[in-house]
Amino acid sequence: MLPPVLLDIAAALIGAGVLISVINNRIGSVSIGLGSATMGVVLLSNVPQGWEMVALGFFGIAVLAGLWMISVGFKQAGDNS
């Protein structure tokens, strides 16, 4: 089980990403993605017995969406068009 303080960090990353995206959408996307992936991993580490499949589907999507946002942010950073 991962420490619950990581959820606070994830919330701060998501909130900062929303604010930063007004100025720089690349950094905002990466920050929101990091927060989403962190949140999904922390919640997957603390699942009640019998809910593993439901949690994997629900929180797994949060992890995948976070990783996708990070990759989009880094792809845009290398795109100079």
C-alpha atoms as a PDB file:
ATOM      1  CA  MET A   1       0.000   0.000   0.000  1.00  0.00           C
ATOM      2  CA  LEU A   2       1.401   3.355  -1.016  1.00  0.00           C
ATOM      3  CA  PRO A   3       1.124   6.297   1.389  1.00  0.00           C
ATOM      4  CA  PRO A   4      -2.047   8.390   1.031  1.00  0.00           C
ATOM      5  CA  VAL A   5       0.005  11.606   0.965  1.00  0.00           C
ATOM      6  CA  LEU A   6       0.695  10.756  -2.678  1.00  0.00           C
ATOM      7  CA  LEU A   7      -2.978  11.532  -3.385  1.00  0.00           C
ATOM      8  CA  ASP A   8      -2.378  15.060  -2.104  1.00  0.00           C
ATOM      9  CA  ILE A   9       0.631  15.355  -4.391  1.00  0.00           C
ATOM     10  CA  ALA A  10      -1.427  14.034  -7.306  1.00  0.00           C
ATOM     11  CA  ALA A  11      -4.166  16.594  -6.603  1.00  0.00           C
ATOM     12  CA  ALA A  12      -1.573  19.370  -6.447  1.00  0.00           C
ATOM     13  CA  LEU A  13      -0.081  18.245  -9.781  1.00  0.00           C
ATOM     14  CA  ILE A  14      -3.496  18.184 -11.435  1.00  0.00           C
ATOM     15  CA  GLY A  15      -4.438  21.588 -10.023  1.00  0.00           C
ATOM     16  CA  ALA A  16      -1.111  23.107 -10.990  1.00  0.00           C
ATOM     17  CA  GLY A  17      -1.444  21.596 -14.444  1.00  0.00           C
ATOM     18  CA  VAL A  18      -4.826  23.232 -14.957  1.00  0.00           C
ATOM     19  CA  LEU A  19      -3.416  26.616 -13.937  1.00  0.00           C
ATOM     20  CA  ILE A  20      -0.198  26.188 -15.936  1.00  0.00           C
ATOM     21  CA  SER A  21      -2.058  25.094 -19.079  1.00  0.00           C
ATOM     22  CA  VAL A  22      -3.324  28.658 -19.484  1.00  0.00           C
ATOM     23  CA  ILE A  23       0.290  29.788 -19.933  1.00  0.00           C
ATOM     24  CA  ASN A  24       1.952  26.694 -21.416  1.00  0.00           C
ATOM     25  CA  ASN A  25      -0.221  23.805 -22.577  1.00  0.00           C
ATOM     26  CA  ARG A  26       2.702  21.367 -22.900  1.00  0.00           C
ATOM     27  CA  ILE A  27       3.829  21.646 -19.295  1.00  0.00           C
ATOM     28  CA  GLY A  28       0.196  21.690 -18.151  1.00  0.00           C
ATOM     29  CA  SER A  29      -0.520  18.468 -20.018  1.00  0.00           C
ATOM     30  CA  VAL A  30       2.505  16.744 -18.495  1.00  0.00           C
ATOM     31  CA  SER A  31       1.582  17.942 -14.994  1.00  0.00           C
ATOM     32  CA  ILE A  32      -2.036  16.775 -15.294  1.00  0.00           C
ATOM     33  CA  GLY A  33      -0.838  13.458 -16.714  1.00  0.00           C
ATOM     34  CA  LEU A  34       1.616  12.936 -13.865  1.00  0.00           C
ATOM     35  CA  GLY A  35      -1.129  13.664 -11.349  1.00  0.00           C
ATOM     36  CA  SER A  36      -3.603  11.313 -13.023  1.00  0.00           C
ATOM     37  CA  ALA A  37      -1.099   8.464 -13.308  1.00  0.00           C
ATOM     38  CA  THR A  38       0.001   8.931  -9.692  1.00  0.00           C
ATOM     39  CA  MET A  39      -3.595   8.959  -8.500  1.00  0.00           C
ATOM     40  CA  GLY A  40      -4.399   5.770 -10.404  1.00  0.00           C
ATOM     41  CA  VAL A  41      -1.350   3.906  -9.092  1.00  0.00           C
ATOM     42  CA  VAL A  42      -2.014   4.941  -5.486  1.00  0.00           C
ATOM     43  CA  LEU A  43      -5.653   3.907  -5.669  1.00  0.00           C
ATOM     44  CA  LEU A  44      -4.757   0.599  -7.332  1.00  0.00           C
ATOM     45  CA  SER A  45      -2.415  -0.163  -4.447  1.00  0.00           C
ATOM     46  CA  ASN A  46      -5.276   0.017  -1.919  1.00  0.00           C
ATOM     47  CA  VAL A  47      -8.169  -2.012  -3.301  1.00  0.00           C
ATOM     48  CA  PRO A  48     -10.539  -4.011  -1.063  1.00  0.00           C
ATOM     49  CA  GLN A  49     -10.625  -7.740  -1.613  1.00  0.00           C
ATOM     50  CA  GLY A  50     -13.130  -8.715  -4.261  1.00  0.00           C
ATOM     51  CA  TRP A  51     -12.957  -5.392  -6.136  1.00  0.00           C
ATOM     52  CA  GLU A  52      -9.713  -6.019  -7.991  1.00  0.00           C
ATOM     53  CA  MET A  53     -11.233  -6.297 -11.476  1.00  0.00           C
ATOM     54  CA  VAL A  54     -13.457  -3.245 -11.068  1.00  0.00           C
ATOM     55  CA  ALA A  55     -10.562  -1.197  -9.697  1.00  0.00           C
ATOM     56  CA  LEU A  56      -8.219  -2.355 -12.453  1.00  0.00           C
ATOM     57  CA  GLY A  57     -10.716  -1.256 -15.079  1.00  0.00           C
ATOM     58  CA  PHE A  58     -11.540   2.070 -13.475  1.00  0.00           C
ATOM     59  CA  PHE A  59      -8.195   3.171 -12.057  1.00  0.00           C
ATOM     60  CA  GLY A  60      -6.269   1.504 -14.870  1.00  0.00           C
ATOM     61  CA  ILE A  61      -7.978   3.886 -17.282  1.00  0.00           C
ATOM     62  CA  ALA A  62      -6.788   6.807 -15.124  1.00  0.00           C
ATOM     63  CA  VAL A  63      -3.210   5.522 -15.314  1.00  0.00           C
ATOM     64  CA  LEU A  64      -3.414   5.016 -19.090  1.00  0.00           C
ATOM     65  CA  ALA A  65      -4.967   8.452 -19.621  1.00  0.00           C
ATOM     66  CA  GLY A  66      -2.252  10.029 -17.480  1.00  0.00           C
ATOM     67  CA  LEU A  67       0.514   8.295 -19.412  1.00  0.00           C
ATOM     68  CA  TRP A  68      -1.130   9.342 -22.679  1.00  0.00           C
ATOM     69  CA  MET A  69      -1.240  12.986 -21.530  1.00  0.00           C
ATOM     70  CA  ILE A  70       2.431  12.836 -20.578  1.00  0.00           C
ATOM     71  CA  SER A  71       3.332  11.430 -23.999  1.00  0.00           C
ATOM     72  CA  VAL A  72       1.278  14.105 -25.761  1.00  0.00           C
ATOM     73  CA  GLY A  73       3.015  16.815 -23.738  1.00  0.00           C
ATOM     74  CA  PHE A  74       6.443  15.487 -24.632  1.00  0.00           C
ATOM     75  CA  LYS A  75       5.512  14.973 -28.305  1.00  0.00           C
ATOM     76  CA  GLN A  76       4.350  18.564 -28.553  1.00  0.00           C
ATOM     77  CA  ALA A  77       7.578  19.743 -26.951  1.00  0.00           C
ATOM     78  CA  GLY A  78       9.585  18.214 -29.801  1.00  0.00           C
ATOM     79  CA  ASP A  79       7.231  19.466 -32.517  1.00  0.00           C
ATOM     80  CA  ASN A  80       8.452  22.772 -33.974  1.00  0.00           C
ATOM     81  CA  SER A  81       5.765  23.283 -36.608  1.00  0.00           C
END
